[in-house]
Every structure is written in C-alpha cells, then in structure tokens.
Amino acid sequence: MLANPTPLVNGEKANRREQILTAAAELFAHHGFHGVGIDDIGAAVGISGPALYRHFRSKDAILGEMLNSISRYLLEGGTARASQPGEVTEVLEALVRFHVDFALEHPALITVQERNLANLTDVDRRQVRALQRQYVEVWVRAISDAVPGIGERPARSAAHAVFGLINSTPYNRHLGDGELADLLCKLALGALRAAN
C-alpha cells in the first residue's frame, strides 16, 4: 500500500496486510465496493475469505484503512513539500508534481477514493474528510502565495479543480506515464496561474 502499516507481530503479517489492501483497491476500483466480497479479496491474495479476518475485522475496515491511509499519505507528502525552502512557485510546482505522481502510481486508489467515500463507516468518513480538508488547506496556502491577487475562495476552488484534472488519470492512458505526468503538470500549473 502507500505507507507502512501499523507494526504487527512480524513482518510477514504486515506484508500480508499490504497485499490485502492492494488487492482490495484493484477489486474495488474495477467492481465497486458492493461488487466485491471477502472471498474475492482472499482469492486475490491466495488465502480463504475467512482468513482475511485475521488481518481485518471486516470489508468496511479494509476500505476504512485504505482511504485513511491515502488521505494521511497525501497530507504528509503535501505538507512536506509545502514546507521546503524555495520560491513560492517552486513549492506549488512540487505540490502539483507530488499529486500527479501519486495519481499515476495509484490509479486504483484514486478511483476507490472518488467512488467509495459514502461506503465508509461514519467514524472513518469523518477522519478521511478531516484529513482531506487539511490537505486542501495546504494547497490553498501554496496557491495564495504563488498566484498574486487570488483570494482564499478562488484559491480553494482552484485547488479542487486541479484535483479533478489530475485525478482524471485513471481514465486517461493515451500517453506513457512520463509524458502524461509532464502534460498534467503543465496543464495544472497553467490553470492555477490563470486563476488570478
């Protein structure tokens, strides 16, 4: 998955959790959360469905950990890039490149996040939403610093618009990853610069 899971009894168990999360992301992206059963996820990682309960208490828990993990990863990565010294335009470019790289490397996770927020438990949904709001705020600050004269509300709208552009990548594979990454960065930065 994205981040190292919570340390468990041994590395093999931790690795199995990552395998389960990765397989579940692919299955949820292709068949939807409700179209995938525990047996499907187990089969994808070579274990029985009931054996999954040694690693996760339910399919809901798998989705909750997956989307919380994505949201934490984006927030931590975005915050790290926004904290780097440099010109404000370089910080914004680093944020854009970070999000583009994530979207290209994890298209299934982008799809799952887009389609399955409503399937989270109330607790997980609140946690994911809080992390997402913090990530948006990182972007709003970076956009406000780099785009002269833009207000807070337009900066927030611009951030969401750029996420939409970048997150469209699971559906756009007409170019190789390197070319697509460069194009997405150019389009995103052009849109942000035009927002003032």
N, C-alpha and C. Protein backbone atom coordinates (compact mmCIF):
# COMPACT_ATOMS: atom_id res chain seq x y z
N MET A 1 0.85 -1.19 0.00
CA MET A 1 0.00 0.00 0.00
C MET A 1 0.89 1.23 0.00
N LEU A 2 0.45 2.33 0.59
CA LEU A 2 1.19 3.58 0.50
C LEU A 2 2.18 3.76 1.63
N ALA A 3 1.68 3.68 2.81
CA ALA A 3 2.53 3.89 3.97
C ALA A 3 2.72 2.54 4.64
N ASN A 4 3.76 2.45 5.45
CA ASN A 4 3.95 1.21 6.19
C ASN A 4 2.78 1.04 7.15
N PRO A 5 2.22 -0.15 7.21
CA PRO A 5 1.11 -0.35 8.13
C PRO A 5 1.58 -0.30 9.58
N THR A 6 0.63 -0.25 10.48
CA THR A 6 0.96 -0.28 11.89
C THR A 6 1.80 -1.52 12.16
N PRO A 7 2.92 -1.40 12.92
CA PRO A 7 3.74 -2.58 13.18
C PRO A 7 2.90 -3.69 13.82
N LEU A 8 3.07 -4.88 13.30
CA LEU A 8 2.35 -6.03 13.82
C LEU A 8 3.34 -7.00 14.44
N VAL A 9 2.87 -8.19 14.72
CA VAL A 9 3.69 -9.17 15.40
C VAL A 9 4.94 -9.50 14.61
N ASN A 10 4.82 -9.63 13.30
CA ASN A 10 6.00 -9.91 12.49
C ASN A 10 5.83 -9.28 11.11
N GLY A 11 6.93 -9.23 10.37
CA GLY A 11 6.92 -8.61 9.05
C GLY A 11 6.02 -9.31 8.07
N GLU A 12 5.87 -10.62 8.21
CA GLU A 12 5.04 -11.37 7.28
C GLU A 12 3.58 -10.93 7.39
N LYS A 13 3.09 -10.71 8.62
CA LYS A 13 1.72 -10.25 8.80
C LYS A 13 1.54 -8.85 8.22
N ALA A 14 2.52 -7.99 8.43
CA ALA A 14 2.44 -6.63 7.88
C ALA A 14 2.40 -6.68 6.36
N ASN A 15 3.23 -7.53 5.77
CA ASN A 15 3.27 -7.66 4.33
C ASN A 15 1.93 -8.19 3.80
N ARG A 16 1.33 -9.12 4.50
CA ARG A 16 0.04 -9.68 4.09
C ARG A 16 -1.04 -8.59 4.11
N ARG A 17 -1.00 -7.72 5.13
CA ARG A 17 -1.97 -6.61 5.19
C ARG A 17 -1.81 -5.71 3.96
N GLU A 18 -0.59 -5.42 3.60
CA GLU A 18 -0.34 -4.58 2.42
C GLU A 18 -0.87 -5.27 1.16
N GLN A 19 -0.65 -6.58 1.05
CA GLN A 19 -1.15 -7.33 -0.10
C GLN A 19 -2.67 -7.26 -0.16
N ILE A 20 -3.29 -7.41 0.98
CA ILE A 20 -4.76 -7.37 1.03
C ILE A 20 -5.26 -5.99 0.61
N LEU A 21 -4.65 -4.94 1.13
CA LEU A 21 -5.08 -3.58 0.78
C LEU A 21 -4.89 -3.29 -0.71
N THR A 22 -3.77 -3.74 -1.25
CA THR A 22 -3.51 -3.52 -2.68
C THR A 22 -4.51 -4.28 -3.54
N ALA A 23 -4.74 -5.55 -3.21
CA ALA A 23 -5.69 -6.36 -3.97
C ALA A 23 -7.11 -5.79 -3.85
N ALA A 24 -7.48 -5.39 -2.65
CA ALA A 24 -8.82 -4.83 -2.44
C ALA A 24 -8.99 -3.54 -3.24
N ALA A 25 -7.96 -2.71 -3.30
CA ALA A 25 -8.05 -1.46 -4.07
C ALA A 25 -8.34 -1.76 -5.54
N GLU A 26 -7.62 -2.72 -6.10
CA GLU A 26 -7.84 -3.08 -7.51
C GLU A 26 -9.25 -3.62 -7.71
N LEU A 27 -9.69 -4.48 -6.82
CA LEU A 27 -11.02 -5.07 -6.95
C LEU A 27 -12.12 -4.01 -6.77
N PHE A 28 -11.99 -3.16 -5.76
CA PHE A 28 -12.98 -2.12 -5.54
C PHE A 28 -13.03 -1.15 -6.73
N ALA A 29 -11.87 -0.84 -7.31
CA ALA A 29 -11.82 0.08 -8.44
C ALA A 29 -12.54 -0.51 -9.66
N HIS A 30 -12.38 -1.80 -9.87
CA HIS A 30 -12.95 -2.43 -11.07
C HIS A 30 -14.39 -2.91 -10.90
N HIS A 31 -14.77 -3.30 -9.68
CA HIS A 31 -16.09 -3.91 -9.48
C HIS A 31 -16.96 -3.16 -8.49
N GLY A 32 -16.44 -2.11 -7.89
CA GLY A 32 -17.18 -1.37 -6.87
C GLY A 32 -17.11 -2.08 -5.53
N PHE A 33 -17.26 -1.31 -4.47
CA PHE A 33 -17.17 -1.85 -3.12
C PHE A 33 -18.20 -2.96 -2.90
N HIS A 34 -19.44 -2.72 -3.33
CA HIS A 34 -20.50 -3.70 -3.09
C HIS A 34 -20.42 -4.89 -4.04
N GLY A 35 -19.65 -4.77 -5.10
CA GLY A 35 -19.49 -5.87 -6.04
C GLY A 35 -18.37 -6.83 -5.68
N VAL A 36 -17.72 -6.58 -4.56
CA VAL A 36 -16.57 -7.40 -4.13
C VAL A 36 -16.87 -8.00 -2.77
N GLY A 37 -16.65 -9.30 -2.65
CA GLY A 37 -16.85 -9.97 -1.37
C GLY A 37 -15.51 -10.32 -0.72
N ILE A 38 -15.58 -10.70 0.52
CA ILE A 38 -14.39 -11.11 1.27
C ILE A 38 -13.69 -12.27 0.56
N ASP A 39 -14.46 -13.20 0.02
CA ASP A 39 -13.87 -14.34 -0.69
C ASP A 39 -13.09 -13.88 -1.92
N ASP A 40 -13.59 -12.84 -2.61
CA ASP A 40 -12.89 -12.30 -3.79
C ASP A 40 -11.53 -11.73 -3.38
N ILE A 41 -11.51 -10.99 -2.29
CA ILE A 41 -10.26 -10.38 -1.83
C ILE A 41 -9.29 -11.48 -1.39
N GLY A 42 -9.80 -12.44 -0.65
CA GLY A 42 -8.95 -13.56 -0.21
C GLY A 42 -8.35 -14.29 -1.39
N ALA A 43 -9.17 -14.59 -2.39
CA ALA A 43 -8.67 -15.30 -3.57
C ALA A 43 -7.58 -14.51 -4.28
N ALA A 44 -7.71 -13.20 -4.29
CA ALA A 44 -6.71 -12.35 -4.97
C ALA A 44 -5.34 -12.39 -4.29
N VAL A 45 -5.33 -12.74 -3.00
CA VAL A 45 -4.03 -12.81 -2.29
C VAL A 45 -3.68 -14.24 -1.89
N GLY A 46 -4.46 -15.20 -2.38
CA GLY A 46 -4.13 -16.60 -2.17
C GLY A 46 -4.48 -17.16 -0.81
N ILE A 47 -5.51 -16.59 -0.17
CA ILE A 47 -5.98 -17.14 1.11
C ILE A 47 -7.50 -17.24 1.04
N SER A 48 -8.08 -17.93 1.99
CA SER A 48 -9.54 -18.03 2.02
C SER A 48 -10.11 -16.71 2.53
N GLY A 49 -11.36 -16.45 2.14
CA GLY A 49 -12.01 -15.24 2.62
C GLY A 49 -12.01 -15.12 4.13
N PRO A 50 -12.43 -16.19 4.84
CA PRO A 50 -12.43 -16.10 6.31
C PRO A 50 -11.04 -15.83 6.91
N ALA A 51 -9.98 -16.24 6.22
CA ALA A 51 -8.63 -15.98 6.74
C ALA A 51 -8.31 -14.48 6.77
N LEU A 52 -9.04 -13.70 5.98
CA LEU A 52 -8.84 -12.24 6.00
C LEU A 52 -9.15 -11.66 7.36
N TYR A 53 -10.02 -12.31 8.10
CA TYR A 53 -10.42 -11.79 9.40
C TYR A 53 -9.29 -11.83 10.42
N ARG A 54 -8.23 -12.52 10.10
CA ARG A 54 -7.03 -12.45 10.96
C ARG A 54 -6.32 -11.12 10.80
N HIS A 55 -6.58 -10.44 9.69
CA HIS A 55 -5.88 -9.19 9.38
C HIS A 55 -6.78 -7.96 9.48
N PHE A 56 -8.06 -8.13 9.13
CA PHE A 56 -9.04 -7.03 9.18
C PHE A 56 -10.34 -7.58 9.72
N ARG A 57 -11.03 -6.77 10.51
CA ARG A 57 -12.27 -7.27 11.13
C ARG A 57 -13.43 -7.36 10.15
N SER A 58 -13.34 -6.61 9.01
CA SER A 58 -14.44 -6.62 8.04
C SER A 58 -13.98 -5.98 6.73
N LYS A 59 -14.81 -6.09 5.72
CA LYS A 59 -14.55 -5.41 4.46
C LYS A 59 -14.59 -3.90 4.67
N ASP A 60 -15.49 -3.43 5.54
CA ASP A 60 -15.56 -2.00 5.87
C ASP A 60 -14.23 -1.52 6.46
N ALA A 61 -13.62 -2.35 7.29
CA ALA A 61 -12.35 -1.98 7.91
C ALA A 61 -11.24 -1.87 6.86
N ILE A 62 -11.28 -2.74 5.86
CA ILE A 62 -10.30 -2.67 4.77
C ILE A 62 -10.45 -1.33 4.05
N LEU A 63 -11.67 -0.98 3.68
CA LEU A 63 -11.91 0.29 3.00
C LEU A 63 -11.51 1.47 3.88
N GLY A 64 -11.85 1.41 5.15
CA GLY A 64 -11.51 2.50 6.07
C GLY A 64 -10.01 2.70 6.18
N GLU A 65 -9.27 1.62 6.34
CA GLU A 65 -7.82 1.76 6.42
C GLU A 65 -7.24 2.27 5.11
N MET A 66 -7.78 1.77 4.01
CA MET A 66 -7.29 2.18 2.69
C MET A 66 -7.45 3.69 2.49
N LEU A 67 -8.65 4.21 2.71
CA LEU A 67 -8.90 5.62 2.44
C LEU A 67 -8.27 6.54 3.48
N ASN A 68 -8.19 6.08 4.73
CA ASN A 68 -7.46 6.87 5.73
C ASN A 68 -5.97 6.92 5.39
N SER A 69 -5.43 5.80 4.94
CA SER A 69 -4.03 5.73 4.57
C SER A 69 -3.71 6.66 3.41
N ILE A 70 -4.56 6.65 2.38
CA ILE A 70 -4.38 7.54 1.23
C ILE A 70 -4.38 9.00 1.70
N SER A 71 -5.37 9.34 2.51
CA SER A 71 -5.53 10.72 2.95
C SER A 71 -4.35 11.18 3.81
N ARG A 72 -3.88 10.30 4.69
CA ARG A 72 -2.70 10.65 5.51
C ARG A 72 -1.46 10.81 4.64
N TYR A 73 -1.29 9.91 3.69
CA TYR A 73 -0.13 9.97 2.79
C TYR A 73 -0.11 11.29 2.03
N LEU A 74 -1.26 11.67 1.47
CA LEU A 74 -1.33 12.92 0.71
C LEU A 74 -1.07 14.12 1.61
N LEU A 75 -1.66 14.13 2.79
CA LEU A 75 -1.45 15.26 3.71
C LEU A 75 0.01 15.36 4.14
N GLU A 76 0.61 14.25 4.52
CA GLU A 76 2.01 14.27 4.96
C GLU A 76 2.93 14.67 3.82
N GLY A 77 2.71 14.10 2.64
CA GLY A 77 3.55 14.43 1.49
C GLY A 77 3.38 15.87 1.05
N GLY A 78 2.13 16.34 1.03
CA GLY A 78 1.86 17.72 0.65
C GLY A 78 2.45 18.70 1.64
N THR A 79 2.30 18.41 2.92
CA THR A 79 2.87 19.28 3.96
C THR A 79 4.38 19.33 3.86
N ALA A 80 5.00 18.20 3.60
CA ALA A 80 6.47 18.17 3.47
C ALA A 80 6.92 19.02 2.30
N ARG A 81 6.24 18.94 1.20
CA ARG A 81 6.63 19.73 0.03
C ARG A 81 6.36 21.21 0.23
N ALA A 82 5.25 21.54 0.89
CA ALA A 82 4.92 22.94 1.14
C ALA A 82 5.87 23.57 2.15
N SER A 83 6.53 22.74 2.95
CA SER A 83 7.46 23.25 3.97
C SER A 83 8.88 23.41 3.46
N GLN A 84 9.15 22.95 2.26
CA GLN A 84 10.51 23.04 1.71
C GLN A 84 10.86 24.49 1.42
N PRO A 85 12.11 24.86 1.66
CA PRO A 85 12.52 26.21 1.30
C PRO A 85 12.54 26.37 -0.22
N GLY A 86 12.32 27.56 -0.66
CA GLY A 86 12.35 27.82 -2.10
C GLY A 86 11.35 28.90 -2.47
N GLU A 87 11.36 29.24 -3.73
CA GLU A 87 10.42 30.23 -4.24
C GLU A 87 9.00 29.66 -4.15
N VAL A 88 8.03 30.57 -4.01
CA VAL A 88 6.64 30.11 -3.87
C VAL A 88 6.18 29.33 -5.10
N THR A 89 6.69 29.69 -6.27
CA THR A 89 6.31 28.95 -7.48
C THR A 89 6.90 27.54 -7.47
N GLU A 90 8.08 27.39 -6.89
CA GLU A 90 8.70 26.06 -6.79
C GLU A 90 7.92 25.17 -5.83
N VAL A 91 7.41 25.76 -4.76
CA VAL A 91 6.61 25.00 -3.80
C VAL A 91 5.33 24.50 -4.48
N LEU A 92 4.68 25.39 -5.23
CA LEU A 92 3.45 24.99 -5.93
C LEU A 92 3.75 23.90 -6.97
N GLU A 93 4.85 24.05 -7.70
CA GLU A 93 5.24 23.04 -8.67
C GLU A 93 5.50 21.69 -8.00
N ALA A 94 6.14 21.72 -6.84
CA ALA A 94 6.41 20.48 -6.11
C ALA A 94 5.11 19.81 -5.66
N LEU A 95 4.15 20.61 -5.21
CA LEU A 95 2.85 20.05 -4.81
C LEU A 95 2.13 19.41 -5.99
N VAL A 96 2.15 20.10 -7.12
CA VAL A 96 1.49 19.57 -8.32
C VAL A 96 2.16 18.26 -8.73
N ARG A 97 3.46 18.25 -8.79
CA ARG A 97 4.20 17.04 -9.21
C ARG A 97 3.92 15.88 -8.24
N PHE A 98 3.88 16.18 -6.95
CA PHE A 98 3.60 15.15 -5.96
C PHE A 98 2.24 14.52 -6.20
N HIS A 99 1.22 15.33 -6.42
CA HIS A 99 -0.13 14.80 -6.61
C HIS A 99 -0.23 14.04 -7.94
N VAL A 100 0.41 14.57 -8.97
CA VAL A 100 0.42 13.88 -10.27
C VAL A 100 1.08 12.52 -10.15
N ASP A 101 2.24 12.48 -9.51
CA ASP A 101 2.94 11.20 -9.33
C ASP A 101 2.09 10.20 -8.57
N PHE A 102 1.42 10.68 -7.52
CA PHE A 102 0.55 9.78 -6.75
C PHE A 102 -0.56 9.21 -7.64
N ALA A 103 -1.22 10.09 -8.40
CA ALA A 103 -2.33 9.65 -9.23
C ALA A 103 -1.90 8.64 -10.28
N LEU A 104 -0.72 8.85 -10.86
CA LEU A 104 -0.25 7.93 -11.89
C LEU A 104 0.22 6.60 -11.30
N GLU A 105 0.78 6.64 -10.12
CA GLU A 105 1.29 5.42 -9.49
C GLU A 105 0.17 4.60 -8.84
N HIS A 106 -0.94 5.25 -8.49
CA HIS A 106 -2.01 4.57 -7.75
C HIS A 106 -3.38 4.86 -8.34
N PRO A 107 -3.59 4.55 -9.63
CA PRO A 107 -4.89 4.88 -10.23
C PRO A 107 -6.06 4.17 -9.56
N ALA A 108 -5.86 2.96 -9.09
CA ALA A 108 -6.97 2.25 -8.43
C ALA A 108 -7.38 2.97 -7.15
N LEU A 109 -6.39 3.48 -6.41
CA LEU A 109 -6.72 4.19 -5.17
C LEU A 109 -7.47 5.49 -5.45
N ILE A 110 -7.09 6.17 -6.52
CA ILE A 110 -7.81 7.39 -6.90
C ILE A 110 -9.27 7.04 -7.20
N THR A 111 -9.49 5.97 -7.94
CA THR A 111 -10.85 5.55 -8.27
C THR A 111 -11.63 5.16 -7.03
N VAL A 112 -11.01 4.39 -6.15
CA VAL A 112 -11.69 3.96 -4.92
C VAL A 112 -12.05 5.18 -4.08
N GLN A 113 -11.13 6.09 -3.94
CA GLN A 113 -11.39 7.29 -3.13
C GLN A 113 -12.54 8.10 -3.72
N GLU A 114 -12.57 8.23 -5.01
CA GLU A 114 -13.61 9.01 -5.68
C GLU A 114 -14.99 8.37 -5.54
N ARG A 115 -15.05 7.06 -5.62
CA ARG A 115 -16.34 6.37 -5.69
C ARG A 115 -16.87 5.84 -4.36
N ASN A 116 -16.03 5.73 -3.35
CA ASN A 116 -16.45 4.95 -2.18
C ASN A 116 -16.45 5.69 -0.85
N LEU A 117 -16.33 6.99 -0.88
CA LEU A 117 -16.36 7.74 0.38
C LEU A 117 -17.67 7.47 1.14
N ALA A 118 -18.76 7.38 0.41
CA ALA A 118 -20.07 7.16 1.05
C ALA A 118 -20.18 5.77 1.67
N ASN A 119 -19.31 4.84 1.29
CA ASN A 119 -19.37 3.48 1.84
C ASN A 119 -18.58 3.33 3.13
N LEU A 120 -17.90 4.38 3.55
CA LEU A 120 -17.16 4.32 4.81
C LEU A 120 -18.11 4.35 6.00
N THR A 121 -17.65 3.82 7.12
CA THR A 121 -18.40 4.00 8.36
C THR A 121 -18.37 5.48 8.71
N ASP A 122 -19.27 5.90 9.57
CA ASP A 122 -19.32 7.32 9.95
C ASP A 122 -18.00 7.79 10.54
N VAL A 123 -17.40 6.98 11.38
CA VAL A 123 -16.12 7.36 12.01
C VAL A 123 -15.04 7.52 10.96
N ASP A 124 -14.91 6.54 10.08
CA ASP A 124 -13.88 6.63 9.04
C ASP A 124 -14.15 7.80 8.09
N ARG A 125 -15.41 8.02 7.75
CA ARG A 125 -15.73 9.13 6.85
C ARG A 125 -15.32 10.46 7.46
N ARG A 126 -15.60 10.65 8.75
CA ARG A 126 -15.19 11.90 9.43
C ARG A 126 -13.67 12.06 9.43
N GLN A 127 -12.95 10.96 9.69
CA GLN A 127 -11.48 11.03 9.70
C GLN A 127 -10.94 11.36 8.31
N VAL A 128 -11.45 10.69 7.29
CA VAL A 128 -10.98 10.94 5.93
C VAL A 128 -11.29 12.37 5.52
N ARG A 129 -12.50 12.83 5.79
CA ARG A 129 -12.87 14.20 5.44
C ARG A 129 -11.98 15.23 6.14
N ALA A 130 -11.67 14.99 7.41
CA ALA A 130 -10.80 15.93 8.15
C ALA A 130 -9.40 15.97 7.52
N LEU A 131 -8.87 14.82 7.17
CA LEU A 131 -7.55 14.78 6.52
C LEU A 131 -7.59 15.45 5.16
N GLN A 132 -8.66 15.21 4.40
CA GLN A 132 -8.79 15.84 3.08
C GLN A 132 -8.87 17.36 3.19
N ARG A 133 -9.63 17.85 4.19
CA ARG A 133 -9.73 19.31 4.38
C ARG A 133 -8.36 19.91 4.69
N GLN A 134 -7.58 19.21 5.50
CA GLN A 134 -6.23 19.71 5.82
C GLN A 134 -5.35 19.73 4.58
N TYR A 135 -5.48 18.73 3.74
CA TYR A 135 -4.70 18.68 2.50
C TYR A 135 -5.09 19.84 1.59
N VAL A 136 -6.38 20.11 1.48
CA VAL A 136 -6.83 21.24 0.67
C VAL A 136 -6.24 22.54 1.21
N GLU A 137 -6.18 22.69 2.52
CA GLU A 137 -5.63 23.91 3.11
C GLU A 137 -4.15 24.09 2.76
N VAL A 138 -3.41 23.00 2.69
CA VAL A 138 -2.00 23.08 2.25
C VAL A 138 -1.95 23.69 0.85
N TRP A 139 -2.81 23.22 -0.02
CA TRP A 139 -2.87 23.74 -1.39
C TRP A 139 -3.32 25.18 -1.44
N VAL A 140 -4.34 25.53 -0.65
CA VAL A 140 -4.86 26.91 -0.65
C VAL A 140 -3.75 27.88 -0.26
N ARG A 141 -2.96 27.53 0.75
CA ARG A 141 -1.84 28.40 1.15
C ARG A 141 -0.82 28.52 0.03
N ALA A 142 -0.48 27.40 -0.59
CA ALA A 142 0.53 27.42 -1.66
C ALA A 142 0.03 28.21 -2.86
N ILE A 143 -1.23 28.04 -3.22
CA ILE A 143 -1.79 28.79 -4.34
C ILE A 143 -1.84 30.28 -4.01
N SER A 144 -2.30 30.60 -2.80
CA SER A 144 -2.38 32.01 -2.39
C SER A 144 -1.01 32.68 -2.41
N ASP A 145 0.02 31.95 -2.02
CA ASP A 145 1.38 32.50 -2.03
C ASP A 145 1.92 32.68 -3.45
N ALA A 146 1.57 31.75 -4.35
CA ALA A 146 2.19 31.73 -5.68
C ALA A 146 1.42 32.50 -6.74
N VAL A 147 0.14 32.75 -6.50
CA VAL A 147 -0.69 33.43 -7.51
C VAL A 147 -1.09 34.80 -6.96
N PRO A 148 -0.44 35.84 -7.43
CA PRO A 148 -0.69 37.18 -6.89
C PRO A 148 -2.16 37.59 -7.06
N GLY A 149 -2.73 38.14 -6.00
CA GLY A 149 -4.07 38.70 -6.06
C GLY A 149 -5.21 37.72 -5.96
N ILE A 150 -4.93 36.44 -5.86
CA ILE A 150 -6.03 35.47 -5.77
C ILE A 150 -6.56 35.48 -4.33
N GLY A 151 -7.86 35.42 -4.20
CA GLY A 151 -8.46 35.36 -2.87
C GLY A 151 -8.54 33.94 -2.37
N GLU A 152 -8.94 33.79 -1.11
CA GLU A 152 -8.99 32.47 -0.49
C GLU A 152 -10.03 31.56 -1.17
N ARG A 153 -11.22 32.09 -1.44
CA ARG A 153 -12.26 31.26 -2.06
C ARG A 153 -11.88 30.83 -3.47
N PRO A 154 -11.37 31.74 -4.31
CA PRO A 154 -10.90 31.27 -5.63
C PRO A 154 -9.74 30.28 -5.53
N ALA A 155 -8.86 30.47 -4.54
CA ALA A 155 -7.75 29.53 -4.37
C ALA A 155 -8.27 28.15 -4.00
N ARG A 156 -9.29 28.11 -3.15
CA ARG A 156 -9.88 26.82 -2.75
C ARG A 156 -10.56 26.15 -3.96
N SER A 157 -11.29 26.94 -4.73
CA SER A 157 -11.94 26.39 -5.93
C SER A 157 -10.91 25.91 -6.93
N ALA A 158 -9.82 26.66 -7.07
CA ALA A 158 -8.74 26.27 -8.00
C ALA A 158 -8.10 24.96 -7.55
N ALA A 159 -7.90 24.80 -6.26
CA ALA A 159 -7.32 23.55 -5.75
C ALA A 159 -8.20 22.36 -6.12
N HIS A 160 -9.50 22.50 -5.89
CA HIS A 160 -10.42 21.39 -6.20
C HIS A 160 -10.47 21.12 -7.71
N ALA A 161 -10.41 22.18 -8.51
CA ALA A 161 -10.42 22.00 -9.96
C ALA A 161 -9.17 21.24 -10.43
N VAL A 162 -8.03 21.57 -9.85
CA VAL A 162 -6.79 20.90 -10.22
C VAL A 162 -6.81 19.44 -9.77
N PHE A 163 -7.38 19.17 -8.59
CA PHE A 163 -7.53 17.77 -8.17
C PHE A 163 -8.35 17.01 -9.19
N GLY A 164 -9.43 17.62 -9.67
CA GLY A 164 -10.28 16.96 -10.67
C GLY A 164 -9.51 16.65 -11.94
N LEU A 165 -8.71 17.61 -12.37
CA LEU A 165 -7.88 17.41 -13.57
C LEU A 165 -6.90 16.26 -13.37
N ILE A 166 -6.16 16.31 -12.29
CA ILE A 166 -5.13 15.30 -12.03
C ILE A 166 -5.76 13.94 -11.76
N ASN A 167 -6.84 13.92 -11.00
CA ASN A 167 -7.46 12.65 -10.62
C ASN A 167 -8.21 11.98 -11.76
N SER A 168 -8.26 12.64 -12.92
CA SER A 168 -8.88 12.02 -14.09
C SER A 168 -7.96 10.97 -14.71
N THR A 169 -6.74 10.84 -14.22
CA THR A 169 -5.75 9.96 -14.84
C THR A 169 -6.13 8.50 -14.91
N PRO A 170 -6.93 7.94 -13.99
CA PRO A 170 -7.29 6.54 -14.16
C PRO A 170 -8.02 6.27 -15.48
N TYR A 171 -8.63 7.31 -16.03
CA TYR A 171 -9.42 7.15 -17.25
C TYR A 171 -8.68 7.60 -18.49
N ASN A 172 -7.45 8.07 -18.33
CA ASN A 172 -6.71 8.66 -19.45
C ASN A 172 -5.35 7.99 -19.56
N ARG A 173 -5.23 7.04 -20.46
CA ARG A 173 -3.96 6.36 -20.64
C ARG A 173 -3.55 6.38 -22.11
N HIS A 174 -3.71 7.55 -22.74
CA HIS A 174 -3.32 7.69 -24.14
C HIS A 174 -1.84 7.98 -24.30
N LEU A 175 -1.18 8.36 -23.23
CA LEU A 175 0.25 8.67 -23.23
C LEU A 175 0.94 7.78 -22.21
N GLY A 176 2.24 7.62 -22.37
CA GLY A 176 3.03 6.93 -21.35
C GLY A 176 3.05 7.77 -20.08
N ASP A 177 3.39 7.14 -18.97
CA ASP A 177 3.35 7.82 -17.67
C ASP A 177 4.20 9.09 -17.64
N GLY A 178 5.41 9.04 -18.20
CA GLY A 178 6.29 10.22 -18.17
C GLY A 178 5.70 11.38 -18.94
N GLU A 179 5.23 11.10 -20.14
CA GLU A 179 4.61 12.16 -20.96
C GLU A 179 3.34 12.68 -20.31
N LEU A 180 2.53 11.76 -19.78
CA LEU A 180 1.29 12.17 -19.14
C LEU A 180 1.56 13.00 -17.90
N ALA A 181 2.57 12.61 -17.12
CA ALA A 181 2.93 13.39 -15.93
C ALA A 181 3.31 14.81 -16.31
N ASP A 182 4.15 14.95 -17.32
CA ASP A 182 4.58 16.28 -17.75
C ASP A 182 3.39 17.11 -18.23
N LEU A 183 2.51 16.48 -19.01
CA LEU A 183 1.34 17.18 -19.53
C LEU A 183 0.43 17.63 -18.39
N LEU A 184 0.15 16.73 -17.45
CA LEU A 184 -0.72 17.08 -16.33
C LEU A 184 -0.14 18.21 -15.49
N CYS A 185 1.17 18.17 -15.26
CA CYS A 185 1.81 19.25 -14.50
C CYS A 185 1.67 20.57 -15.24
N LYS A 186 1.92 20.55 -16.53
CA LYS A 186 1.83 21.77 -17.34
C LYS A 186 0.40 22.31 -17.32
N LEU A 187 -0.59 21.44 -17.51
CA LEU A 187 -1.98 21.87 -17.51
C LEU A 187 -2.41 22.41 -16.14
N ALA A 188 -2.03 21.70 -15.08
CA ALA A 188 -2.41 22.12 -13.73
C ALA A 188 -1.79 23.46 -13.38
N LEU A 189 -0.51 23.62 -13.65
CA LEU A 189 0.16 24.87 -13.33
C LEU A 189 -0.38 26.01 -14.19
N GLY A 190 -0.66 25.74 -15.46
CA GLY A 190 -1.24 26.76 -16.32
C GLY A 190 -2.60 27.21 -15.81
N ALA A 191 -3.41 26.26 -15.39
CA ALA A 191 -4.74 26.60 -14.84
C ALA A 191 -4.60 27.42 -13.57
N LEU A 192 -3.67 27.06 -12.70
CA LEU A 192 -3.50 27.79 -11.44
C LEU A 192 -2.99 29.21 -11.69
N ARG A 193 -2.07 29.35 -12.63
CA ARG A 193 -1.53 30.69 -12.93
C ARG A 193 -2.60 31.59 -13.57
N ALA A 194 -3.55 30.97 -14.25
CA ALA A 194 -4.61 31.74 -14.90
C ALA A 194 -5.73 32.10 -13.94
N ALA A 195 -5.64 31.65 -12.71
CA ALA A 195 -6.75 31.81 -11.76
C ALA A 195 -6.81 33.18 -11.12
N ASN A 196 -5.82 34.05 -11.33
CA ASN A 196 -5.85 35.35 -10.64
C ASN A 196 -6.70 36.37 -11.36
